[in-house]
Amino acid sequence: MAFTKAAPPHPAPPSVGVDLAAFVASLPTQRPLRFDSTQLVYTDGSKQGSAIGAGVYDGRRRRLVSVMPRGHAGQLNTVPKAEGTGILAALQAVPDGEDVTLLTDSLTLIHMLRSVLHNPTGYRVHKHKHMLKRTVNTMLSRQGATPIFKVRAHIGVRGNELADTAAGIAAAAQHA
């Protein structure tokens, strides 16, 4: 059995105004990727205090977006809502006829979207029913293929780390 040296701890996340690409380039990549990161769109959500934010990294266009949802506060601002906001923003940014592969680190949200898809009436009283139904309807109305996959979080996957950082900055900006 071979032992390897533990990876160094991640540096502290940057604050607003810091070069995100340089920060992510400083992160160690510990595992080979199953997907080509230049063909994927990564999404993530973050919560700080009662504020939420989402991040989207489009590896195909090398574009990073922070999303600051407006509206509700308090108990409606949850991590699944932030994650869903990121997926919805990604879907709205991709041209309709274009195939897109989404990656998120939220298995909870993937299960919620699947449940809404297969049993729409089951979420009639869910606190995120509007966001979930809007996301599913956007996916169903698209002409291009839209698979969603789970990616492991915080292991150095560059696109996921970029989306995570953008989400954290969006949440921090609303929390301030």
N, C-alpha and C. Protein backbone atom coordinates (compact mmCIF):
# COMPACT_ATOMS: atom_id res chain seq x y z
N MET A 1 0.84 -1.18 0.00
CA MET A 1 0.00 0.00 0.00
C MET A 1 0.89 1.24 0.00
N ALA A 2 0.66 2.12 -0.93
CA ALA A 2 1.47 3.33 -1.03
C ALA A 2 0.77 4.47 -0.32
N PHE A 3 1.53 5.25 0.37
CA PHE A 3 0.99 6.42 1.05
C PHE A 3 1.45 7.66 0.31
N THR A 4 0.54 8.62 0.21
CA THR A 4 0.90 9.86 -0.45
C THR A 4 0.82 11.00 0.55
N LYS A 5 1.53 12.02 0.25
CA LYS A 5 1.54 13.20 1.10
C LYS A 5 0.18 13.89 1.02
N ALA A 6 -0.34 14.33 2.14
CA ALA A 6 -1.63 15.02 2.17
C ALA A 6 -1.52 16.32 1.39
N ALA A 7 -2.62 16.65 0.71
CA ALA A 7 -2.66 17.89 -0.05
C ALA A 7 -2.61 19.08 0.90
N PRO A 8 -1.97 20.16 0.49
CA PRO A 8 -1.94 21.34 1.36
C PRO A 8 -3.34 21.90 1.51
N PRO A 9 -3.62 22.57 2.63
CA PRO A 9 -4.96 23.14 2.80
C PRO A 9 -5.22 24.21 1.75
N HIS A 10 -6.50 24.39 1.40
CA HIS A 10 -6.87 25.41 0.43
C HIS A 10 -6.57 26.79 1.00
N PRO A 11 -6.13 27.71 0.17
CA PRO A 11 -5.95 29.08 0.65
C PRO A 11 -7.31 29.69 0.98
N ALA A 12 -7.30 30.74 1.76
CA ALA A 12 -8.55 31.41 2.12
C ALA A 12 -9.22 31.92 0.85
N PRO A 13 -10.57 31.83 0.79
CA PRO A 13 -11.26 32.31 -0.41
C PRO A 13 -11.07 33.82 -0.59
N PRO A 14 -11.03 34.27 -1.83
CA PRO A 14 -10.81 35.69 -2.07
C PRO A 14 -12.05 36.50 -1.73
N SER A 15 -11.88 37.77 -1.59
CA SER A 15 -13.00 38.66 -1.36
C SER A 15 -13.33 39.37 -2.68
N VAL A 16 -14.32 40.23 -2.64
CA VAL A 16 -14.75 40.95 -3.84
C VAL A 16 -13.56 41.75 -4.38
N GLY A 17 -13.38 41.72 -5.69
CA GLY A 17 -12.32 42.47 -6.34
C GLY A 17 -11.03 41.70 -6.55
N VAL A 18 -10.98 40.43 -6.14
CA VAL A 18 -9.79 39.63 -6.31
C VAL A 18 -9.92 38.83 -7.61
N ASP A 19 -8.81 38.59 -8.29
CA ASP A 19 -8.81 37.84 -9.53
C ASP A 19 -9.18 36.38 -9.27
N LEU A 20 -10.40 35.98 -9.65
CA LEU A 20 -10.88 34.63 -9.38
C LEU A 20 -10.07 33.57 -10.11
N ALA A 21 -9.69 33.85 -11.33
CA ALA A 21 -8.95 32.86 -12.11
C ALA A 21 -7.60 32.56 -11.44
N ALA A 22 -6.94 33.59 -10.92
CA ALA A 22 -5.65 33.38 -10.24
C ALA A 22 -5.85 32.56 -8.97
N PHE A 23 -6.94 32.84 -8.24
CA PHE A 23 -7.22 32.08 -7.02
C PHE A 23 -7.42 30.60 -7.34
N VAL A 24 -8.24 30.32 -8.34
CA VAL A 24 -8.53 28.93 -8.67
C VAL A 24 -7.30 28.24 -9.23
N ALA A 25 -6.48 28.97 -9.98
CA ALA A 25 -5.25 28.38 -10.51
C ALA A 25 -4.31 27.96 -9.38
N SER A 26 -4.44 28.61 -8.21
CA SER A 26 -3.58 28.27 -7.08
C SER A 26 -4.05 27.01 -6.35
N LEU A 27 -5.26 26.53 -6.65
CA LEU A 27 -5.79 25.35 -5.99
C LEU A 27 -5.17 24.09 -6.57
N PRO A 28 -4.85 23.11 -5.71
CA PRO A 28 -4.29 21.87 -6.25
C PRO A 28 -5.39 21.01 -6.89
N THR A 29 -5.09 20.41 -8.02
CA THR A 29 -6.01 19.46 -8.62
C THR A 29 -5.53 18.08 -8.20
N GLN A 30 -6.33 17.40 -7.38
CA GLN A 30 -5.90 16.16 -6.78
C GLN A 30 -6.27 14.94 -7.59
N ARG A 31 -7.28 15.03 -8.43
CA ARG A 31 -7.77 13.87 -9.15
C ARG A 31 -7.93 14.20 -10.62
N PRO A 32 -7.74 13.23 -11.48
CA PRO A 32 -8.04 13.47 -12.90
C PRO A 32 -9.56 13.60 -13.08
N LEU A 33 -9.96 14.42 -14.02
CA LEU A 33 -11.39 14.67 -14.25
C LEU A 33 -11.95 13.67 -15.25
N ARG A 34 -13.21 13.27 -15.02
CA ARG A 34 -13.89 12.38 -15.97
C ARG A 34 -14.41 13.15 -17.17
N PHE A 35 -14.64 14.44 -17.01
CA PHE A 35 -15.21 15.25 -18.07
C PHE A 35 -14.19 16.30 -18.50
N ASP A 36 -14.29 16.74 -19.74
CA ASP A 36 -13.47 17.84 -20.22
C ASP A 36 -14.12 19.13 -19.71
N SER A 37 -13.43 19.84 -18.83
CA SER A 37 -14.04 21.01 -18.18
C SER A 37 -14.34 22.14 -19.15
N THR A 38 -13.78 22.10 -20.35
CA THR A 38 -14.08 23.16 -21.31
C THR A 38 -15.41 22.93 -22.02
N GLN A 39 -16.07 21.81 -21.77
CA GLN A 39 -17.35 21.52 -22.43
C GLN A 39 -18.53 21.55 -21.46
N LEU A 40 -18.32 22.01 -20.25
CA LEU A 40 -19.32 21.91 -19.21
C LEU A 40 -19.66 23.26 -18.61
N VAL A 41 -20.83 23.30 -17.94
CA VAL A 41 -21.22 24.47 -17.17
C VAL A 41 -21.39 24.02 -15.73
N TYR A 42 -20.63 24.64 -14.84
CA TYR A 42 -20.66 24.32 -13.41
C TYR A 42 -21.54 25.33 -12.70
N THR A 43 -22.31 24.86 -11.72
CA THR A 43 -23.13 25.76 -10.93
C THR A 43 -22.92 25.45 -9.45
N ASP A 44 -23.11 26.46 -8.62
CA ASP A 44 -23.00 26.27 -7.18
C ASP A 44 -23.80 27.35 -6.47
N GLY A 45 -24.11 27.10 -5.22
CA GLY A 45 -24.82 28.05 -4.39
C GLY A 45 -24.13 28.20 -3.06
N SER A 46 -24.39 29.32 -2.39
CA SER A 46 -23.75 29.59 -1.11
C SER A 46 -24.71 30.38 -0.24
N LYS A 47 -24.57 30.19 1.07
CA LYS A 47 -25.36 30.93 2.04
C LYS A 47 -24.44 31.49 3.09
N GLN A 48 -24.60 32.78 3.37
CA GLN A 48 -23.85 33.44 4.44
C GLN A 48 -24.85 34.25 5.25
N GLY A 49 -25.02 33.89 6.50
CA GLY A 49 -26.05 34.53 7.30
C GLY A 49 -27.40 34.18 6.72
N SER A 50 -28.21 35.18 6.41
CA SER A 50 -29.50 34.91 5.77
C SER A 50 -29.46 35.23 4.28
N ALA A 51 -28.27 35.56 3.76
CA ALA A 51 -28.13 35.91 2.34
C ALA A 51 -27.65 34.69 1.55
N ILE A 52 -28.12 34.59 0.31
CA ILE A 52 -27.69 33.52 -0.58
C ILE A 52 -27.13 34.11 -1.87
N GLY A 53 -26.31 33.32 -2.53
CA GLY A 53 -25.76 33.71 -3.81
C GLY A 53 -25.50 32.47 -4.64
N ALA A 54 -25.39 32.64 -5.92
CA ALA A 54 -25.12 31.51 -6.82
C ALA A 54 -23.98 31.89 -7.76
N GLY A 55 -23.29 30.87 -8.23
CA GLY A 55 -22.22 31.08 -9.17
C GLY A 55 -22.36 30.12 -10.34
N VAL A 56 -22.03 30.60 -11.53
CA VAL A 56 -22.08 29.79 -12.75
C VAL A 56 -20.76 29.98 -13.48
N TYR A 57 -20.11 28.87 -13.80
CA TYR A 57 -18.90 28.93 -14.62
C TYR A 57 -19.16 28.15 -15.90
N ASP A 58 -19.15 28.85 -17.02
CA ASP A 58 -19.34 28.24 -18.34
C ASP A 58 -17.96 27.94 -18.91
N GLY A 59 -17.54 26.68 -18.79
CA GLY A 59 -16.22 26.28 -19.26
C GLY A 59 -16.08 26.38 -20.77
N ARG A 60 -17.19 26.32 -21.49
CA ARG A 60 -17.15 26.41 -22.94
C ARG A 60 -16.79 27.81 -23.40
N ARG A 61 -17.29 28.80 -22.69
CA ARG A 61 -17.04 30.20 -23.06
C ARG A 61 -16.07 30.88 -22.10
N ARG A 62 -15.62 30.14 -21.08
CA ARG A 62 -14.73 30.67 -20.05
C ARG A 62 -15.32 31.92 -19.42
N ARG A 63 -16.58 31.81 -19.02
CA ARG A 63 -17.29 32.95 -18.45
C ARG A 63 -17.75 32.60 -17.04
N LEU A 64 -17.52 33.49 -16.11
CA LEU A 64 -17.89 33.30 -14.71
C LEU A 64 -18.90 34.37 -14.32
N VAL A 65 -20.02 33.94 -13.69
CA VAL A 65 -21.08 34.86 -13.32
C VAL A 65 -21.46 34.63 -11.87
N SER A 66 -21.59 35.72 -11.11
CA SER A 66 -22.16 35.67 -9.77
C SER A 66 -23.61 36.11 -9.86
N VAL A 67 -24.50 35.38 -9.20
CA VAL A 67 -25.94 35.68 -9.25
C VAL A 67 -26.40 36.01 -7.83
N MET A 68 -27.01 37.16 -7.69
CA MET A 68 -27.54 37.58 -6.39
C MET A 68 -29.06 37.60 -6.46
N PRO A 69 -29.72 36.53 -6.00
CA PRO A 69 -31.18 36.50 -6.08
C PRO A 69 -31.81 37.58 -5.21
N ARG A 70 -32.86 38.13 -5.69
CA ARG A 70 -33.59 39.17 -4.97
C ARG A 70 -34.89 38.58 -4.43
N GLY A 71 -35.46 39.27 -3.48
CA GLY A 71 -36.77 38.83 -3.00
C GLY A 71 -36.74 38.39 -1.56
N HIS A 72 -37.09 37.15 -1.35
CA HIS A 72 -37.30 36.62 -0.01
C HIS A 72 -36.03 36.60 0.83
N ALA A 73 -36.24 36.61 2.12
CA ALA A 73 -35.12 36.50 3.05
C ALA A 73 -35.50 35.50 4.14
N GLY A 74 -34.60 35.28 5.04
CA GLY A 74 -34.88 34.43 6.19
C GLY A 74 -35.01 32.97 5.82
N GLN A 75 -36.12 32.35 6.23
CA GLN A 75 -36.27 30.91 6.08
C GLN A 75 -36.34 30.44 4.63
N LEU A 76 -36.66 31.31 3.69
CA LEU A 76 -36.71 30.90 2.28
C LEU A 76 -35.33 30.92 1.63
N ASN A 77 -34.39 31.58 2.25
CA ASN A 77 -33.03 31.61 1.70
C ASN A 77 -32.24 30.42 2.25
N THR A 78 -32.22 29.35 1.47
CA THR A 78 -31.53 28.13 1.86
C THR A 78 -30.49 27.78 0.81
N VAL A 79 -29.60 26.87 1.15
CA VAL A 79 -28.59 26.43 0.19
C VAL A 79 -29.24 25.79 -1.04
N PRO A 80 -30.27 24.91 -0.89
CA PRO A 80 -30.90 24.38 -2.11
C PRO A 80 -31.48 25.46 -3.01
N LYS A 81 -32.03 26.54 -2.43
CA LYS A 81 -32.54 27.63 -3.27
C LYS A 81 -31.38 28.31 -4.00
N ALA A 82 -30.26 28.49 -3.31
CA ALA A 82 -29.10 29.10 -3.95
C ALA A 82 -28.58 28.21 -5.08
N GLU A 83 -28.50 26.90 -4.83
CA GLU A 83 -28.06 25.95 -5.85
C GLU A 83 -29.01 25.98 -7.06
N GLY A 84 -30.31 25.99 -6.79
CA GLY A 84 -31.30 26.02 -7.86
C GLY A 84 -31.25 27.31 -8.66
N THR A 85 -30.97 28.41 -7.98
CA THR A 85 -30.83 29.69 -8.66
C THR A 85 -29.66 29.64 -9.64
N GLY A 86 -28.58 28.98 -9.24
CA GLY A 86 -27.43 28.83 -10.14
C GLY A 86 -27.77 28.00 -11.37
N ILE A 87 -28.48 26.89 -11.18
CA ILE A 87 -28.86 26.05 -12.31
C ILE A 87 -29.80 26.81 -13.25
N LEU A 88 -30.77 27.52 -12.68
CA LEU A 88 -31.70 28.29 -13.51
C LEU A 88 -30.96 29.37 -14.29
N ALA A 89 -30.02 30.06 -13.64
CA ALA A 89 -29.24 31.09 -14.34
C ALA A 89 -28.42 30.48 -15.47
N ALA A 90 -27.86 29.30 -15.25
CA ALA A 90 -27.10 28.63 -16.30
C ALA A 90 -27.99 28.26 -17.48
N LEU A 91 -29.16 27.73 -17.19
CA LEU A 91 -30.10 27.34 -18.25
C LEU A 91 -30.53 28.55 -19.07
N GLN A 92 -30.74 29.68 -18.41
CA GLN A 92 -31.18 30.88 -19.10
C GLN A 92 -30.07 31.51 -19.93
N ALA A 93 -28.81 31.23 -19.58
CA ALA A 93 -27.68 31.83 -20.29
C ALA A 93 -27.29 31.07 -21.55
N VAL A 94 -27.68 29.80 -21.63
CA VAL A 94 -27.30 28.97 -22.77
C VAL A 94 -28.36 29.11 -23.87
N PRO A 95 -27.95 29.36 -25.12
CA PRO A 95 -28.93 29.44 -26.21
C PRO A 95 -29.80 28.19 -26.29
N ASP A 96 -31.05 28.35 -26.65
CA ASP A 96 -32.05 27.29 -26.56
C ASP A 96 -31.70 26.02 -27.32
N GLY A 97 -31.22 26.10 -28.51
CA GLY A 97 -30.97 24.90 -29.30
C GLY A 97 -29.64 24.22 -29.00
N GLU A 98 -28.86 24.79 -28.12
CA GLU A 98 -27.52 24.29 -27.84
C GLU A 98 -27.55 23.25 -26.72
N ASP A 99 -26.86 22.14 -26.93
CA ASP A 99 -26.73 21.14 -25.87
C ASP A 99 -25.84 21.70 -24.77
N VAL A 100 -26.16 21.37 -23.53
CA VAL A 100 -25.35 21.82 -22.40
C VAL A 100 -25.33 20.72 -21.35
N THR A 101 -24.20 20.49 -20.74
CA THR A 101 -24.08 19.55 -19.63
C THR A 101 -23.80 20.36 -18.38
N LEU A 102 -24.70 20.24 -17.41
CA LEU A 102 -24.57 20.97 -16.16
C LEU A 102 -23.96 20.08 -15.09
N LEU A 103 -23.10 20.66 -14.28
CA LEU A 103 -22.52 19.96 -13.13
C LEU A 103 -22.80 20.78 -11.88
N THR A 104 -23.32 20.12 -10.84
CA THR A 104 -23.56 20.75 -9.56
C THR A 104 -23.05 19.84 -8.47
N ASP A 105 -22.71 20.42 -7.34
CA ASP A 105 -22.28 19.57 -6.22
C ASP A 105 -23.44 19.30 -5.25
N SER A 106 -24.66 19.63 -5.67
CA SER A 106 -25.83 19.44 -4.81
C SER A 106 -26.68 18.25 -5.27
N LEU A 107 -26.43 17.10 -4.67
CA LEU A 107 -27.25 15.93 -4.96
C LEU A 107 -28.69 16.15 -4.48
N THR A 108 -28.85 16.91 -3.41
CA THR A 108 -30.19 17.23 -2.90
C THR A 108 -31.01 17.92 -3.97
N LEU A 109 -30.44 18.91 -4.63
CA LEU A 109 -31.19 19.63 -5.65
C LEU A 109 -31.48 18.75 -6.85
N ILE A 110 -30.56 17.90 -7.23
CA ILE A 110 -30.82 16.97 -8.34
C ILE A 110 -32.02 16.09 -8.01
N HIS A 111 -32.08 15.58 -6.79
CA HIS A 111 -33.22 14.75 -6.37
C HIS A 111 -34.52 15.56 -6.34
N MET A 112 -34.45 16.80 -5.88
CA MET A 112 -35.65 17.64 -5.85
C MET A 112 -36.17 17.91 -7.26
N LEU A 113 -35.27 18.22 -8.19
CA LEU A 113 -35.70 18.46 -9.58
C LEU A 113 -36.29 17.21 -10.19
N ARG A 114 -35.69 16.06 -9.92
CA ARG A 114 -36.23 14.80 -10.44
C ARG A 114 -37.63 14.54 -9.86
N SER A 115 -37.80 14.82 -8.58
CA SER A 115 -39.11 14.61 -7.95
C SER A 115 -40.17 15.51 -8.56
N VAL A 116 -39.82 16.78 -8.80
CA VAL A 116 -40.78 17.70 -9.42
C VAL A 116 -41.11 17.23 -10.83
N LEU A 117 -40.13 16.74 -11.55
CA LEU A 117 -40.34 16.26 -12.92
C LEU A 117 -41.30 15.07 -12.95
N HIS A 118 -41.12 14.13 -12.03
CA HIS A 118 -41.93 12.91 -12.03
C HIS A 118 -43.22 13.03 -11.25
N ASN A 119 -43.31 13.98 -10.32
CA ASN A 119 -44.51 14.14 -9.51
C ASN A 119 -44.72 15.63 -9.24
N PRO A 120 -45.19 16.39 -10.23
CA PRO A 120 -45.32 17.84 -10.08
C PRO A 120 -46.24 18.26 -8.94
N THR A 121 -47.25 17.50 -8.64
CA THR A 121 -48.17 17.88 -7.57
C THR A 121 -47.59 17.62 -6.19
N GLY A 122 -46.52 16.85 -6.11
CA GLY A 122 -45.92 16.53 -4.82
C GLY A 122 -45.24 17.72 -4.16
N TYR A 123 -44.98 18.78 -4.93
CA TYR A 123 -44.30 19.95 -4.38
C TYR A 123 -45.24 21.16 -4.32
N ARG A 124 -46.52 20.92 -4.19
CA ARG A 124 -47.48 22.02 -4.14
C ARG A 124 -47.26 22.96 -2.96
N VAL A 125 -46.79 22.42 -1.85
CA VAL A 125 -46.63 23.24 -0.65
C VAL A 125 -45.18 23.42 -0.25
N HIS A 126 -44.25 23.03 -1.08
CA HIS A 126 -42.82 23.16 -0.77
C HIS A 126 -42.42 24.64 -0.83
N LYS A 127 -41.54 25.05 0.07
CA LYS A 127 -41.17 26.47 0.12
C LYS A 127 -40.41 26.95 -1.12
N HIS A 128 -39.84 26.04 -1.89
CA HIS A 128 -39.12 26.42 -3.11
C HIS A 128 -39.85 25.96 -4.37
N LYS A 129 -41.16 25.74 -4.27
CA LYS A 129 -41.92 25.18 -5.40
C LYS A 129 -41.81 26.03 -6.66
N HIS A 130 -41.83 27.35 -6.53
CA HIS A 130 -41.78 28.20 -7.71
C HIS A 130 -40.44 28.09 -8.43
N MET A 131 -39.35 28.12 -7.67
CA MET A 131 -38.02 28.00 -8.27
C MET A 131 -37.84 26.62 -8.89
N LEU A 132 -38.28 25.57 -8.20
CA LEU A 132 -38.13 24.21 -8.72
C LEU A 132 -38.93 24.01 -10.00
N LYS A 133 -40.18 24.44 -10.00
CA LYS A 133 -41.03 24.27 -11.20
C LYS A 133 -40.51 25.12 -12.35
N ARG A 134 -40.03 26.32 -12.06
CA ARG A 134 -39.50 27.16 -13.13
C ARG A 134 -38.26 26.52 -13.75
N THR A 135 -37.41 25.93 -12.91
CA THR A 135 -36.20 25.26 -13.42
C THR A 135 -36.56 24.05 -14.27
N VAL A 136 -37.49 23.22 -13.79
CA VAL A 136 -37.91 22.04 -14.55
C VAL A 136 -38.57 22.46 -15.86
N ASN A 137 -39.43 23.46 -15.82
CA ASN A 137 -40.09 23.93 -17.05
C ASN A 137 -39.08 24.49 -18.05
N THR A 138 -38.07 25.18 -17.55
CA THR A 138 -37.02 25.70 -18.44
C THR A 138 -36.27 24.55 -19.10
N MET A 139 -35.96 23.51 -18.32
CA MET A 139 -35.27 22.35 -18.88
C MET A 139 -36.13 21.65 -19.93
N LEU A 140 -37.41 21.48 -19.64
CA LEU A 140 -38.30 20.78 -20.56
C LEU A 140 -38.57 21.56 -21.84
N SER A 141 -38.53 22.88 -21.77
CA SER A 141 -38.82 23.69 -22.95
C SER A 141 -37.61 23.88 -23.85
N ARG A 142 -36.43 23.50 -23.37
CA ARG A 142 -35.22 23.65 -24.18
C ARG A 142 -35.21 22.66 -25.34
N GLN A 143 -34.67 23.09 -26.47
CA GLN A 143 -34.54 22.22 -27.63
C GLN A 143 -33.29 21.34 -27.55
N GLY A 144 -32.27 21.81 -26.85
CA GLY A 144 -31.02 21.05 -26.72
C GLY A 144 -31.06 20.10 -25.54
N ALA A 145 -30.17 19.12 -25.56
CA ALA A 145 -30.06 18.17 -24.44
C ALA A 145 -29.51 18.89 -23.21
N THR A 146 -30.01 18.51 -22.02
CA THR A 146 -29.62 19.18 -20.79
C THR A 146 -29.43 18.19 -19.65
N PRO A 147 -28.42 17.34 -19.71
CA PRO A 147 -28.19 16.44 -18.57
C PRO A 147 -27.56 17.20 -17.40
N ILE A 148 -27.88 16.75 -16.19
CA ILE A 148 -27.29 17.33 -14.98
C ILE A 148 -26.57 16.20 -14.25
N PHE A 149 -25.32 16.45 -13.88
CA PHE A 149 -24.53 15.47 -13.16
C PHE A 149 -24.06 16.05 -11.83
N LYS A 150 -23.79 15.16 -10.91
CA LYS A 150 -23.22 15.52 -9.61
C LYS A 150 -21.71 15.52 -9.74
N VAL A 151 -21.07 16.55 -9.21
CA VAL A 151 -19.61 16.60 -9.14
C VAL A 151 -19.24 16.71 -7.66
N ARG A 152 -18.17 16.06 -7.28
CA ARG A 152 -17.73 16.13 -5.89
C ARG A 152 -17.23 17.54 -5.59
N ALA A 153 -17.58 18.01 -4.42
CA ALA A 153 -17.23 19.37 -4.02
C ALA A 153 -15.87 19.42 -3.32
N HIS A 154 -15.20 20.54 -3.47
CA HIS A 154 -14.00 20.87 -2.72
C HIS A 154 -12.88 19.85 -2.84
N ILE A 155 -12.70 19.30 -4.04
CA ILE A 155 -11.58 18.39 -4.26
C ILE A 155 -10.65 18.94 -5.34
N GLY A 156 -10.86 20.19 -5.74
CA GLY A 156 -9.97 20.81 -6.70
C GLY A 156 -10.45 20.78 -8.13
N VAL A 157 -11.72 20.46 -8.39
CA VAL A 157 -12.25 20.51 -9.75
C VAL A 157 -12.40 21.99 -10.11
N ARG A 158 -11.58 22.42 -11.06
CA ARG A 158 -11.44 23.84 -11.36
C ARG A 158 -12.77 24.56 -11.61
N GLY A 159 -13.62 24.03 -12.47
CA GLY A 159 -14.89 24.69 -12.77
C GLY A 159 -15.79 24.79 -11.55
N ASN A 160 -15.82 23.75 -10.74
CA ASN A 160 -16.65 23.77 -9.53
C ASN A 160 -16.09 24.76 -8.51
N GLU A 161 -14.78 24.84 -8.40
CA GLU A 161 -14.18 25.80 -7.47
C GLU A 161 -14.46 27.24 -7.91
N LEU A 162 -14.43 27.49 -9.22
CA LEU A 162 -14.77 28.83 -9.72
C LEU A 162 -16.22 29.18 -9.40
N ALA A 163 -17.14 28.25 -9.67
CA ALA A 163 -18.56 28.51 -9.39
C ALA A 163 -18.77 28.70 -7.89
N ASP A 164 -18.10 27.91 -7.07
CA ASP A 164 -18.21 28.02 -5.61
C ASP A 164 -17.72 29.38 -5.12
N THR A 165 -16.61 29.83 -5.66
CA THR A 165 -16.07 31.13 -5.26
C THR A 165 -16.99 32.26 -5.68
N ALA A 166 -17.53 32.18 -6.90
CA ALA A 166 -18.46 33.21 -7.38
C ALA A 166 -19.73 33.23 -6.52
N ALA A 167 -20.21 32.06 -6.12
CA ALA A 167 -21.40 31.99 -5.26
C ALA A 167 -21.11 32.61 -3.90
N GLY A 168 -19.94 32.31 -3.35
CA GLY A 168 -19.58 32.88 -2.05
C GLY A 168 -19.47 34.41 -2.10
N ILE A 169 -18.92 34.93 -3.18
CA ILE A 169 -18.81 36.39 -3.33
C ILE A 169 -20.21 37.02 -3.45
N ALA A 170 -21.09 36.37 -4.20
CA ALA A 170 -22.46 36.90 -4.33
C ALA A 170 -23.19 36.91 -2.99
N ALA A 171 -23.05 35.84 -2.22
CA ALA A 171 -23.70 35.77 -0.91
C ALA A 171 -23.10 36.81 0.04
N ALA A 172 -21.78 36.94 0.01
CA ALA A 172 -21.13 37.92 0.89
C ALA A 172 -21.54 39.34 0.55
N ALA A 173 -21.70 39.63 -0.74
CA ALA A 173 -22.09 40.97 -1.16
C ALA A 173 -23.50 41.31 -0.68
N GLN A 174 -24.38 40.30 -0.64
CA GLN A 174 -25.74 40.56 -0.15
C GLN A 174 -25.78 40.60 1.37
N HIS A 175 -24.87 39.86 2.01
CA HIS A 175 -24.85 39.79 3.47
C HIS A 175 -24.31 41.08 4.07
N ALA A 176 -23.44 41.77 3.31
CA ALA A 176 -22.79 42.98 3.82
C ALA A 176 -23.75 44.13 3.97
